[in-house]
Amino acid sequence: MKRYRSLSAMKKRLIEIVLERTFRYSEKPSFKLAAGGKSSYYFNCKPTTLSTEGMYLVGNLMYDLLRSRKSWKVKGIGGLTLGADPISNAIAYTSYLKKDPLESFVVRKEPKKHGTMLWVEGNVAEGDKVVIVEDVVTTGGSTIKAIDRARKCGLKVLGVIVLIDRQEGGREAIESKGVPVKVLLTREEVFKAHTAATA
């Protein structure tokens, strides 16, 4: 197992993995986006966030991103299933190893149809302070949906942390709801690395 000397070395390696497994580019817009419309590039984060090394890097880097905001004293991290799940789990696991345990939770797209019929699954309860996690932000629609659902369940959302920001207005849309956003990677950073790798 590789040991990393710094967070910057971790971030550099994560970008390499994102280029290998997550980022796809086409000369013409051929990728259909969840928000509607088509794009010439696409990020499918799951091959990165569900890989062993990717999970390790995402867990450490996103944990550091979360803790870099000193005012975010939260009990849990989570977001809309499915994209947020491996990220919040990786952060929670990392937080335990660092003796600073955070609970991971899942926001369902629709309530469970049987049993407790919960919208939010995990060890968080009404009144708990949380941060919402997102894999990719485009318009911010799914993140806002997660924020709204978490709030309706009584959770206090202090902020949002994002793995990749496509820089298409989503961050601004989220922040317009009074929720601060911190981003690990931007489209610009990934494009820069892609250009350098294919030059």
N, C-alpha and C. Protein backbone atom coordinates (compact mmCIF):
# COMPACT_ATOMS: atom_id res chain seq x y z
N MET A 1 0.84 -1.19 0.00
CA MET A 1 0.00 0.00 0.00
C MET A 1 0.88 1.25 0.00
N LYS A 2 0.56 2.17 -0.88
CA LYS A 2 1.35 3.40 -1.00
C LYS A 2 1.08 4.33 0.16
N ARG A 3 2.15 4.95 0.67
CA ARG A 3 2.02 5.97 1.71
C ARG A 3 2.23 7.34 1.08
N TYR A 4 1.38 8.28 1.46
CA TYR A 4 1.45 9.62 0.90
C TYR A 4 2.06 10.58 1.91
N ARG A 5 2.96 11.43 1.43
CA ARG A 5 3.66 12.35 2.32
C ARG A 5 2.83 13.57 2.69
N SER A 6 1.84 13.90 1.86
CA SER A 6 1.07 15.12 2.10
C SER A 6 -0.31 15.02 1.47
N LEU A 7 -1.18 15.93 1.88
CA LEU A 7 -2.51 16.00 1.29
C LEU A 7 -2.43 16.41 -0.19
N SER A 8 -1.45 17.24 -0.53
CA SER A 8 -1.29 17.65 -1.93
C SER A 8 -0.91 16.46 -2.81
N ALA A 9 -0.09 15.55 -2.26
CA ALA A 9 0.27 14.33 -3.00
C ALA A 9 -0.97 13.44 -3.16
N MET A 10 -1.80 13.39 -2.13
CA MET A 10 -3.05 12.63 -2.21
C MET A 10 -3.96 13.21 -3.29
N LYS A 11 -4.07 14.52 -3.31
CA LYS A 11 -4.96 15.17 -4.29
C LYS A 11 -4.46 14.94 -5.71
N LYS A 12 -3.16 15.02 -5.90
CA LYS A 12 -2.58 14.77 -7.22
C LYS A 12 -2.91 13.36 -7.69
N ARG A 13 -2.76 12.38 -6.80
CA ARG A 13 -3.06 10.99 -7.16
C ARG A 13 -4.56 10.80 -7.41
N LEU A 14 -5.40 11.46 -6.62
CA LEU A 14 -6.84 11.35 -6.83
C LEU A 14 -7.23 11.87 -8.21
N ILE A 15 -6.64 12.97 -8.63
CA ILE A 15 -6.92 13.51 -9.96
C ILE A 15 -6.53 12.49 -11.03
N GLU A 16 -5.40 11.81 -10.84
CA GLU A 16 -4.98 10.77 -11.79
C GLU A 16 -6.03 9.66 -11.88
N ILE A 17 -6.56 9.25 -10.73
CA ILE A 17 -7.58 8.20 -10.72
C ILE A 17 -8.87 8.69 -11.36
N VAL A 18 -9.23 9.94 -11.09
CA VAL A 18 -10.42 10.53 -11.71
C VAL A 18 -10.29 10.51 -13.24
N LEU A 19 -9.11 10.86 -13.75
CA LEU A 19 -8.89 10.84 -15.20
C LEU A 19 -8.97 9.42 -15.75
N GLU A 20 -8.46 8.45 -15.00
CA GLU A 20 -8.47 7.05 -15.44
C GLU A 20 -9.86 6.44 -15.41
N ARG A 21 -10.63 6.73 -14.36
CA ARG A 21 -11.86 5.98 -14.11
C ARG A 21 -13.16 6.77 -14.18
N THR A 22 -13.09 8.06 -14.00
CA THR A 22 -14.30 8.86 -13.80
C THR A 22 -14.61 9.82 -14.94
N PHE A 23 -13.59 10.45 -15.47
CA PHE A 23 -13.78 11.51 -16.48
C PHE A 23 -13.86 10.93 -17.89
N ARG A 24 -14.89 11.38 -18.62
CA ARG A 24 -15.05 10.99 -20.02
C ARG A 24 -15.26 12.24 -20.86
N TYR A 25 -14.60 12.26 -22.04
CA TYR A 25 -14.68 13.43 -22.91
C TYR A 25 -14.98 13.01 -24.34
N SER A 26 -15.80 13.82 -25.00
CA SER A 26 -16.15 13.58 -26.40
C SER A 26 -16.14 14.92 -27.12
N GLU A 27 -15.74 14.92 -28.39
CA GLU A 27 -15.69 16.17 -29.16
C GLU A 27 -17.07 16.80 -29.29
N LYS A 28 -18.09 15.98 -29.43
CA LYS A 28 -19.45 16.52 -29.53
C LYS A 28 -20.25 16.12 -28.30
N PRO A 29 -21.22 16.93 -27.89
CA PRO A 29 -22.03 16.62 -26.70
C PRO A 29 -22.80 15.31 -26.88
N SER A 30 -22.33 14.27 -26.19
CA SER A 30 -22.97 12.96 -26.33
C SER A 30 -23.35 12.33 -25.00
N PHE A 31 -23.05 13.05 -23.90
CA PHE A 31 -23.37 12.52 -22.57
C PHE A 31 -24.61 13.20 -22.02
N LYS A 32 -25.63 12.41 -21.72
CA LYS A 32 -26.86 12.95 -21.15
C LYS A 32 -26.67 13.18 -19.66
N LEU A 33 -27.02 14.37 -19.18
CA LEU A 33 -26.84 14.72 -17.78
C LEU A 33 -28.12 14.49 -16.99
N ALA A 34 -27.96 14.21 -15.71
CA ALA A 34 -29.12 14.01 -14.83
C ALA A 34 -29.98 15.27 -14.78
N ALA A 35 -29.33 16.42 -14.91
CA ALA A 35 -30.05 17.70 -14.85
C ALA A 35 -30.77 18.03 -16.16
N GLY A 36 -30.59 17.16 -17.17
CA GLY A 36 -31.16 17.43 -18.49
C GLY A 36 -30.11 17.99 -19.42
N GLY A 37 -30.34 17.87 -20.71
CA GLY A 37 -29.37 18.36 -21.68
C GLY A 37 -28.21 17.40 -21.87
N LYS A 38 -27.30 17.77 -22.78
CA LYS A 38 -26.15 16.94 -23.08
C LYS A 38 -24.86 17.73 -22.92
N SER A 39 -23.78 17.00 -22.71
CA SER A 39 -22.48 17.63 -22.50
C SER A 39 -21.41 16.84 -23.23
N SER A 40 -20.31 17.50 -23.53
CA SER A 40 -19.18 16.83 -24.18
C SER A 40 -18.28 16.13 -23.15
N TYR A 41 -18.58 16.32 -21.87
CA TYR A 41 -17.79 15.61 -20.84
C TYR A 41 -18.71 15.14 -19.72
N TYR A 42 -18.23 14.14 -19.01
CA TYR A 42 -19.06 13.50 -17.99
C TYR A 42 -18.17 12.98 -16.87
N PHE A 43 -18.70 13.06 -15.64
CA PHE A 43 -18.02 12.50 -14.48
C PHE A 43 -18.89 11.40 -13.87
N ASN A 44 -18.43 10.17 -13.91
CA ASN A 44 -19.07 9.06 -13.20
C ASN A 44 -18.14 8.71 -12.04
N CYS A 45 -18.46 9.21 -10.86
CA CYS A 45 -17.54 9.11 -9.73
C CYS A 45 -17.45 7.72 -9.11
N LYS A 46 -18.43 6.89 -9.32
CA LYS A 46 -18.47 5.60 -8.61
C LYS A 46 -17.25 4.70 -8.86
N PRO A 47 -16.73 4.60 -10.10
CA PRO A 47 -15.53 3.79 -10.28
C PRO A 47 -14.33 4.28 -9.45
N THR A 48 -14.35 5.57 -9.10
CA THR A 48 -13.29 6.12 -8.23
C THR A 48 -13.64 5.93 -6.76
N THR A 49 -14.84 6.35 -6.37
CA THR A 49 -15.20 6.33 -4.94
C THR A 49 -15.42 4.93 -4.39
N LEU A 50 -15.67 3.95 -5.27
CA LEU A 50 -15.86 2.57 -4.82
C LEU A 50 -14.59 1.72 -4.97
N SER A 51 -13.50 2.33 -5.43
CA SER A 51 -12.22 1.61 -5.51
C SER A 51 -11.48 1.76 -4.18
N THR A 52 -10.61 0.83 -3.89
CA THR A 52 -9.93 0.85 -2.58
C THR A 52 -9.06 2.10 -2.40
N GLU A 53 -8.20 2.38 -3.38
CA GLU A 53 -7.33 3.56 -3.26
C GLU A 53 -8.14 4.84 -3.34
N GLY A 54 -9.12 4.87 -4.24
CA GLY A 54 -9.97 6.05 -4.36
C GLY A 54 -10.71 6.34 -3.07
N MET A 55 -11.22 5.29 -2.43
CA MET A 55 -11.94 5.45 -1.16
C MET A 55 -11.02 6.02 -0.08
N TYR A 56 -9.79 5.51 -0.04
CA TYR A 56 -8.81 5.99 0.94
C TYR A 56 -8.52 7.47 0.72
N LEU A 57 -8.26 7.84 -0.53
CA LEU A 57 -7.93 9.23 -0.85
C LEU A 57 -9.12 10.16 -0.61
N VAL A 58 -10.29 9.76 -1.09
CA VAL A 58 -11.50 10.58 -0.91
C VAL A 58 -11.80 10.75 0.57
N GLY A 59 -11.69 9.67 1.34
CA GLY A 59 -11.96 9.74 2.77
C GLY A 59 -11.07 10.74 3.48
N ASN A 60 -9.78 10.68 3.20
CA ASN A 60 -8.83 11.58 3.85
C ASN A 60 -8.97 13.03 3.38
N LEU A 61 -9.09 13.22 2.07
CA LEU A 61 -9.17 14.57 1.52
C LEU A 61 -10.48 15.26 1.87
N MET A 62 -11.58 14.52 1.80
CA MET A 62 -12.88 15.12 2.13
C MET A 62 -13.01 15.34 3.64
N TYR A 63 -12.42 14.48 4.44
CA TYR A 63 -12.40 14.71 5.90
C TYR A 63 -11.66 16.00 6.20
N ASP A 64 -10.50 16.19 5.56
CA ASP A 64 -9.72 17.41 5.78
C ASP A 64 -10.50 18.64 5.30
N LEU A 65 -11.19 18.51 4.17
CA LEU A 65 -12.00 19.61 3.66
C LEU A 65 -13.09 19.99 4.66
N LEU A 66 -13.73 18.98 5.22
CA LEU A 66 -14.77 19.21 6.23
C LEU A 66 -14.21 19.91 7.46
N ARG A 67 -13.10 19.41 7.95
CA ARG A 67 -12.53 19.96 9.18
C ARG A 67 -11.82 21.30 8.96
N SER A 68 -11.59 21.68 7.70
CA SER A 68 -10.96 22.99 7.44
C SER A 68 -11.92 24.13 7.75
N ARG A 69 -13.20 23.82 7.85
CA ARG A 69 -14.21 24.82 8.25
C ARG A 69 -14.44 24.64 9.74
N LYS A 70 -13.75 25.42 10.54
CA LYS A 70 -13.73 25.22 12.00
C LYS A 70 -15.11 25.33 12.64
N SER A 71 -16.00 26.10 12.03
CA SER A 71 -17.33 26.31 12.63
C SER A 71 -18.27 25.11 12.41
N TRP A 72 -17.86 24.18 11.56
CA TRP A 72 -18.71 23.01 11.29
C TRP A 72 -18.50 21.94 12.35
N LYS A 73 -19.15 22.09 13.47
CA LYS A 73 -19.11 21.08 14.53
C LYS A 73 -20.31 20.18 14.33
N VAL A 74 -20.12 19.10 13.59
CA VAL A 74 -21.26 18.29 13.18
C VAL A 74 -21.19 16.87 13.74
N LYS A 75 -22.36 16.24 13.78
CA LYS A 75 -22.43 14.84 14.20
C LYS A 75 -22.33 13.90 13.01
N GLY A 76 -22.87 14.32 11.85
CA GLY A 76 -22.91 13.40 10.73
C GLY A 76 -22.68 14.02 9.37
N ILE A 77 -22.36 13.14 8.42
CA ILE A 77 -22.20 13.52 7.03
C ILE A 77 -22.96 12.52 6.16
N GLY A 78 -23.65 13.05 5.14
CA GLY A 78 -24.40 12.17 4.26
C GLY A 78 -25.04 12.96 3.15
N GLY A 79 -25.68 12.24 2.24
CA GLY A 79 -26.33 12.92 1.13
C GLY A 79 -27.28 12.00 0.41
N LEU A 80 -27.71 12.48 -0.75
CA LEU A 80 -28.70 11.75 -1.54
C LEU A 80 -28.07 10.47 -2.10
N THR A 81 -28.73 9.34 -1.84
CA THR A 81 -28.24 8.08 -2.38
C THR A 81 -28.36 8.11 -3.91
N LEU A 82 -27.43 7.68 -4.63
CA LEU A 82 -26.40 6.70 -4.37
C LEU A 82 -25.01 7.34 -4.41
N GLY A 83 -24.91 8.46 -5.12
CA GLY A 83 -23.60 9.07 -5.33
C GLY A 83 -22.87 9.47 -4.07
N ALA A 84 -23.61 9.94 -3.07
CA ALA A 84 -22.97 10.41 -1.84
C ALA A 84 -22.55 9.27 -0.91
N ASP A 85 -23.17 8.11 -1.06
CA ASP A 85 -22.99 7.03 -0.07
C ASP A 85 -21.53 6.60 0.13
N PRO A 86 -20.79 6.23 -0.94
CA PRO A 86 -19.41 5.80 -0.71
C PRO A 86 -18.52 6.91 -0.16
N ILE A 87 -18.86 8.16 -0.49
CA ILE A 87 -18.05 9.29 -0.01
C ILE A 87 -18.27 9.50 1.48
N SER A 88 -19.53 9.56 1.91
CA SER A 88 -19.80 9.77 3.34
C SER A 88 -19.30 8.59 4.16
N ASN A 89 -19.38 7.38 3.62
CA ASN A 89 -18.85 6.21 4.35
C ASN A 89 -17.34 6.28 4.49
N ALA A 90 -16.66 6.72 3.41
CA ALA A 90 -15.20 6.86 3.46
C ALA A 90 -14.79 7.93 4.47
N ILE A 91 -15.52 9.03 4.51
CA ILE A 91 -15.22 10.09 5.49
C ILE A 91 -15.44 9.59 6.90
N ALA A 92 -16.56 8.89 7.12
CA ALA A 92 -16.87 8.38 8.46
C ALA A 92 -15.79 7.41 8.93
N TYR A 93 -15.35 6.51 8.06
CA TYR A 93 -14.31 5.54 8.41
C TYR A 93 -13.01 6.27 8.75
N THR A 94 -12.65 7.25 7.92
CA THR A 94 -11.43 8.04 8.17
C THR A 94 -11.53 8.78 9.50
N SER A 95 -12.70 9.34 9.79
CA SER A 95 -12.88 10.10 11.04
C SER A 95 -12.69 9.20 12.26
N TYR A 96 -13.12 7.95 12.15
CA TYR A 96 -12.95 7.01 13.27
C TYR A 96 -11.46 6.71 13.48
N LEU A 97 -10.73 6.51 12.40
CA LEU A 97 -9.29 6.24 12.51
C LEU A 97 -8.56 7.43 13.12
N LYS A 98 -9.10 8.64 12.91
CA LYS A 98 -8.48 9.85 13.44
C LYS A 98 -9.03 10.21 14.82
N LYS A 99 -9.77 9.28 15.42
CA LYS A 99 -10.35 9.47 16.76
C LYS A 99 -11.24 10.71 16.84
N ASP A 100 -11.98 10.94 15.75
CA ASP A 100 -12.90 12.07 15.65
C ASP A 100 -14.16 11.58 14.93
N PRO A 101 -14.84 10.58 15.52
CA PRO A 101 -15.89 9.87 14.78
C PRO A 101 -17.08 10.72 14.36
N LEU A 102 -17.44 10.56 13.09
CA LEU A 102 -18.62 11.18 12.51
C LEU A 102 -19.55 10.08 12.02
N GLU A 103 -20.84 10.31 12.15
CA GLU A 103 -21.81 9.33 11.67
C GLU A 103 -22.09 9.55 10.19
N SER A 104 -22.23 8.46 9.45
CA SER A 104 -22.62 8.52 8.05
C SER A 104 -24.12 8.27 7.96
N PHE A 105 -24.80 9.02 7.08
CA PHE A 105 -26.23 8.78 6.90
C PHE A 105 -26.59 8.87 5.42
N VAL A 106 -27.75 8.33 5.09
CA VAL A 106 -28.24 8.28 3.72
C VAL A 106 -29.57 9.03 3.62
N VAL A 107 -29.69 9.88 2.61
CA VAL A 107 -30.97 10.52 2.32
C VAL A 107 -31.58 9.76 1.14
N ARG A 108 -32.72 9.14 1.37
CA ARG A 108 -33.38 8.38 0.31
C ARG A 108 -34.01 9.30 -0.73
N LYS A 109 -34.17 8.77 -1.95
CA LYS A 109 -34.86 9.53 -2.99
C LYS A 109 -36.37 9.45 -2.80
N GLU A 110 -36.80 8.40 -2.12
CA GLU A 110 -38.20 8.28 -1.71
C GLU A 110 -38.22 7.46 -0.43
N PRO A 111 -39.24 7.62 0.41
CA PRO A 111 -39.22 6.94 1.71
C PRO A 111 -39.30 5.42 1.55
N LYS A 112 -38.73 4.74 2.52
CA LYS A 112 -38.81 3.28 2.57
C LYS A 112 -40.29 2.88 2.58
N LYS A 113 -40.64 1.87 1.81
CA LYS A 113 -42.05 1.51 1.64
C LYS A 113 -42.58 0.59 2.76
N HIS A 114 -41.70 0.15 3.65
CA HIS A 114 -42.14 -0.74 4.72
C HIS A 114 -41.37 -0.41 6.00
N GLY A 115 -41.71 -1.09 7.08
CA GLY A 115 -41.01 -0.87 8.35
C GLY A 115 -41.19 0.55 8.85
N THR A 116 -40.06 1.22 9.10
CA THR A 116 -40.10 2.57 9.67
C THR A 116 -40.42 3.65 8.63
N MET A 117 -40.30 3.31 7.34
CA MET A 117 -40.61 4.24 6.24
C MET A 117 -39.85 5.57 6.36
N LEU A 118 -38.57 5.48 6.68
CA LEU A 118 -37.76 6.67 6.90
C LEU A 118 -37.23 7.27 5.59
N TRP A 119 -37.06 8.59 5.59
CA TRP A 119 -36.40 9.29 4.50
C TRP A 119 -34.89 9.29 4.71
N VAL A 120 -34.48 9.38 5.98
CA VAL A 120 -33.05 9.44 6.32
C VAL A 120 -32.69 8.21 7.14
N GLU A 121 -31.64 7.50 6.69
CA GLU A 121 -31.16 6.31 7.40
C GLU A 121 -29.79 6.59 8.00
N GLY A 122 -29.61 6.18 9.25
CA GLY A 122 -28.33 6.37 9.92
C GLY A 122 -28.53 6.80 11.35
N ASN A 123 -27.43 6.94 12.07
CA ASN A 123 -27.50 7.30 13.49
C ASN A 123 -27.47 8.81 13.70
N VAL A 124 -28.40 9.48 13.05
CA VAL A 124 -28.60 10.92 13.28
C VAL A 124 -30.07 11.12 13.60
N ALA A 125 -30.35 12.17 14.36
CA ALA A 125 -31.72 12.41 14.81
C ALA A 125 -32.05 13.89 14.75
N GLU A 126 -33.32 14.20 14.92
CA GLU A 126 -33.79 15.59 14.89
C GLU A 126 -32.94 16.46 15.82
N GLY A 127 -32.50 17.59 15.30
CA GLY A 127 -31.68 18.52 16.07
C GLY A 127 -30.18 18.36 15.85
N ASP A 128 -29.76 17.23 15.25
CA ASP A 128 -28.33 17.02 15.01
C ASP A 128 -27.82 17.93 13.89
N LYS A 129 -26.59 18.39 14.03
CA LYS A 129 -25.95 19.21 13.01
C LYS A 129 -25.22 18.29 12.03
N VAL A 130 -25.40 18.56 10.73
CA VAL A 130 -24.81 17.70 9.71
C VAL A 130 -24.26 18.52 8.55
N VAL A 131 -23.46 17.85 7.74
CA VAL A 131 -22.98 18.40 6.47
C VAL A 131 -23.43 17.45 5.37
N ILE A 132 -23.94 18.02 4.28
CA ILE A 132 -24.37 17.24 3.14
C ILE A 132 -23.18 17.00 2.20
N VAL A 133 -23.09 15.77 1.70
CA VAL A 133 -22.02 15.35 0.80
C VAL A 133 -22.59 15.16 -0.60
N GLU A 134 -21.79 15.54 -1.62
CA GLU A 134 -22.21 15.34 -3.01
C GLU A 134 -21.02 14.89 -3.83
N ASP A 135 -21.26 13.98 -4.80
CA ASP A 135 -20.14 13.56 -5.64
C ASP A 135 -19.87 14.57 -6.75
N VAL A 136 -20.90 14.94 -7.52
CA VAL A 136 -20.74 15.92 -8.60
C VAL A 136 -21.87 16.95 -8.51
N VAL A 137 -21.51 18.21 -8.61
CA VAL A 137 -22.51 19.28 -8.64
C VAL A 137 -22.54 19.91 -10.03
N THR A 138 -23.72 19.95 -10.62
CA THR A 138 -23.93 20.63 -11.91
C THR A 138 -24.85 21.83 -11.68
N THR A 139 -26.15 21.58 -11.58
CA THR A 139 -27.10 22.66 -11.29
C THR A 139 -27.32 22.83 -9.79
N GLY A 140 -26.93 21.81 -9.02
CA GLY A 140 -27.16 21.84 -7.57
C GLY A 140 -28.50 21.24 -7.16
N GLY A 141 -29.29 20.79 -8.14
CA GLY A 141 -30.63 20.29 -7.86
C GLY A 141 -30.70 19.13 -6.88
N SER A 142 -29.87 18.12 -7.08
CA SER A 142 -29.92 16.95 -6.18
C SER A 142 -29.41 17.30 -4.79
N THR A 143 -28.42 18.20 -4.72
CA THR A 143 -27.90 18.63 -3.42
C THR A 143 -28.96 19.41 -2.66
N ILE A 144 -29.66 20.29 -3.34
CA ILE A 144 -30.72 21.07 -2.71
C ILE A 144 -31.84 20.15 -2.24
N LYS A 145 -32.14 19.12 -3.01
CA LYS A 145 -33.14 18.13 -2.62
C LYS A 145 -32.72 17.44 -1.32
N ALA A 146 -31.44 17.08 -1.22
CA ALA A 146 -30.93 16.43 -0.01
C ALA A 146 -31.00 17.38 1.19
N ILE A 147 -30.65 18.65 0.97
CA ILE A 147 -30.71 19.65 2.04
C ILE A 147 -32.15 19.80 2.53
N ASP A 148 -33.08 19.95 1.60
CA ASP A 148 -34.49 20.14 1.96
C ASP A 148 -35.04 18.93 2.72
N ARG A 149 -34.71 17.74 2.26
CA ARG A 149 -35.20 16.53 2.91
C ARG A 149 -34.59 16.38 4.30
N ALA A 150 -33.30 16.65 4.44
CA ALA A 150 -32.64 16.57 5.74
C ALA A 150 -33.27 17.56 6.72
N ARG A 151 -33.54 18.77 6.23
CA ARG A 151 -34.16 19.79 7.09
C ARG A 151 -35.57 19.37 7.52
N LYS A 152 -36.34 18.80 6.60
CA LYS A 152 -37.69 18.35 6.93
C LYS A 152 -37.68 17.24 7.99
N CYS A 153 -36.57 16.51 8.04
CA CYS A 153 -36.42 15.46 9.05
C CYS A 153 -35.81 16.00 10.34
N GLY A 154 -35.64 17.33 10.42
CA GLY A 154 -35.19 17.96 11.65
C GLY A 154 -33.69 18.12 11.80
N LEU A 155 -32.92 17.78 10.77
CA LEU A 155 -31.47 17.94 10.84
C LEU A 155 -31.08 19.38 10.53
N LYS A 156 -30.03 19.84 11.18
CA LYS A 156 -29.53 21.20 10.95
C LYS A 156 -28.34 21.14 9.99
N VAL A 157 -28.57 21.57 8.75
CA VAL A 157 -27.54 21.49 7.72
C VAL A 157 -26.63 22.71 7.80
N LEU A 158 -25.35 22.47 8.16
CA LEU A 158 -24.40 23.57 8.30
C LEU A 158 -23.68 23.89 7.00
N GLY A 159 -23.59 22.91 6.10
CA GLY A 159 -22.85 23.15 4.87
C GLY A 159 -22.89 21.95 3.94
N VAL A 160 -22.16 22.11 2.83
CA VAL A 160 -22.07 21.07 1.81
C VAL A 160 -20.61 20.90 1.42
N ILE A 161 -20.17 19.65 1.25
CA ILE A 161 -18.85 19.39 0.69
C ILE A 161 -19.03 18.57 -0.59
N VAL A 162 -18.27 18.95 -1.61
CA VAL A 162 -18.45 18.39 -2.95
C VAL A 162 -17.14 17.80 -3.45
N LEU A 163 -17.22 16.60 -4.04
CA LEU A 163 -16.04 15.99 -4.62
C LEU A 163 -15.63 16.71 -5.89
N ILE A 164 -16.57 16.88 -6.83
CA ILE A 164 -16.26 17.55 -8.10
C ILE A 164 -17.35 18.58 -8.44
N ASP A 165 -16.92 19.81 -8.69
CA ASP A 165 -17.82 20.89 -9.10
C ASP A 165 -17.64 21.12 -10.60
N ARG A 166 -18.71 20.91 -11.37
CA ARG A 166 -18.66 21.14 -12.81
C ARG A 166 -18.61 22.64 -13.15
N GLN A 167 -18.77 23.49 -12.18
CA GLN A 167 -18.69 24.95 -12.35
C GLN A 167 -19.72 25.45 -13.38
N GLU A 168 -20.95 24.99 -13.18
CA GLU A 168 -22.05 25.38 -14.08
C GLU A 168 -23.19 26.02 -13.31
N GLY A 169 -22.86 26.66 -12.19
CA GLY A 169 -23.87 27.40 -11.43
C GLY A 169 -24.46 26.67 -10.24
N GLY A 170 -24.13 25.40 -10.07
CA GLY A 170 -24.69 24.62 -8.97
C GLY A 170 -24.26 25.12 -7.60
N ARG A 171 -23.00 25.43 -7.48
CA ARG A 171 -22.50 25.92 -6.18
C ARG A 171 -23.23 27.19 -5.77
N GLU A 172 -23.39 28.09 -6.72
CA GLU A 172 -24.06 29.36 -6.43
C GLU A 172 -25.53 29.12 -6.06
N ALA A 173 -26.17 28.16 -6.73
CA ALA A 173 -27.57 27.84 -6.43
C ALA A 173 -27.72 27.32 -5.01
N ILE A 174 -26.78 26.48 -4.58
CA ILE A 174 -26.81 25.93 -3.22
C ILE A 174 -26.57 27.05 -2.20
N GLU A 175 -25.57 27.87 -2.47
CA GLU A 175 -25.23 28.94 -1.52
C GLU A 175 -26.32 30.00 -1.44
N SER A 176 -27.15 30.11 -2.49
CA SER A 176 -28.27 31.06 -2.45
C SER A 176 -29.32 30.64 -1.42
N LYS A 177 -29.26 29.39 -0.99
CA LYS A 177 -30.16 28.90 0.06
C LYS A 177 -29.56 29.11 1.46
N GLY A 178 -28.44 29.82 1.51
CA GLY A 178 -27.81 30.11 2.79
C GLY A 178 -26.95 28.97 3.31
N VAL A 179 -26.53 28.07 2.41
CA VAL A 179 -25.71 26.93 2.81
C VAL A 179 -24.33 27.05 2.16
N PRO A 180 -23.27 27.23 2.95
CA PRO A 180 -21.93 27.34 2.37
C PRO A 180 -21.46 26.03 1.76
N VAL A 181 -20.64 26.15 0.72
CA VAL A 181 -20.15 24.98 -0.02
C VAL A 181 -18.63 24.98 -0.06
N LYS A 182 -18.03 23.81 0.17
CA LYS A 182 -16.59 23.64 -0.01
C LYS A 182 -16.39 22.54 -1.04
N VAL A 183 -15.45 22.77 -1.97
CA VAL A 183 -15.24 21.87 -3.10
C VAL A 183 -13.82 21.31 -3.08
N LEU A 184 -13.69 20.00 -3.35
CA LEU A 184 -12.37 19.39 -3.41
C LEU A 184 -11.74 19.57 -4.79
N LEU A 185 -12.45 19.20 -5.85
CA LEU A 185 -11.93 19.30 -7.22
C LEU A 185 -12.91 20.09 -8.09
N THR A 186 -12.36 20.89 -8.99
CA THR A 186 -13.20 21.61 -9.94
C THR A 186 -13.00 21.05 -11.35
N ARG A 187 -13.97 21.33 -12.20
CA ARG A 187 -13.85 20.96 -13.61
C ARG A 187 -12.56 21.52 -14.20
N GLU A 188 -12.25 22.76 -13.83
CA GLU A 188 -11.05 23.42 -14.36
C GLU A 188 -9.79 22.64 -14.01
N GLU A 189 -9.69 22.17 -12.77
CA GLU A 189 -8.52 21.39 -12.36
C GLU A 189 -8.41 20.09 -13.13
N VAL A 190 -9.55 19.41 -13.30
CA VAL A 190 -9.54 18.13 -14.01
C VAL A 190 -9.20 18.34 -15.49
N PHE A 191 -9.78 19.39 -16.10
CA PHE A 191 -9.49 19.69 -17.51
C PHE A 191 -8.01 20.00 -17.70
N LYS A 192 -7.45 20.74 -16.77
CA LYS A 192 -6.02 21.09 -16.84
C LYS A 192 -5.15 19.83 -16.82
N ALA A 193 -5.50 18.91 -15.92
CA ALA A 193 -4.75 17.65 -15.82
C ALA A 193 -4.97 16.80 -17.07
N HIS A 194 -6.19 16.81 -17.59
CA HIS A 194 -6.50 16.05 -18.82
C HIS A 194 -5.70 16.58 -19.99
N THR A 195 -5.65 17.90 -20.13
CA THR A 195 -4.89 18.53 -21.23
C THR A 195 -3.41 18.18 -21.14
N ALA A 196 -2.87 18.23 -19.91
CA ALA A 196 -1.45 17.92 -19.71
C ALA A 196 -1.15 16.45 -20.03
N ALA A 197 -2.10 15.57 -19.67
CA ALA A 197 -1.90 14.13 -19.88
C ALA A 197 -2.00 13.74 -21.34
N THR A 198 -2.76 14.52 -22.13
CA THR A 198 -2.96 14.17 -23.55
C THR A 198 -2.13 15.02 -24.50
N ALA A 199 -1.33 15.93 -23.93
CA ALA A 199 -0.51 16.82 -24.77
C ALA A 199 0.60 16.05 -25.49
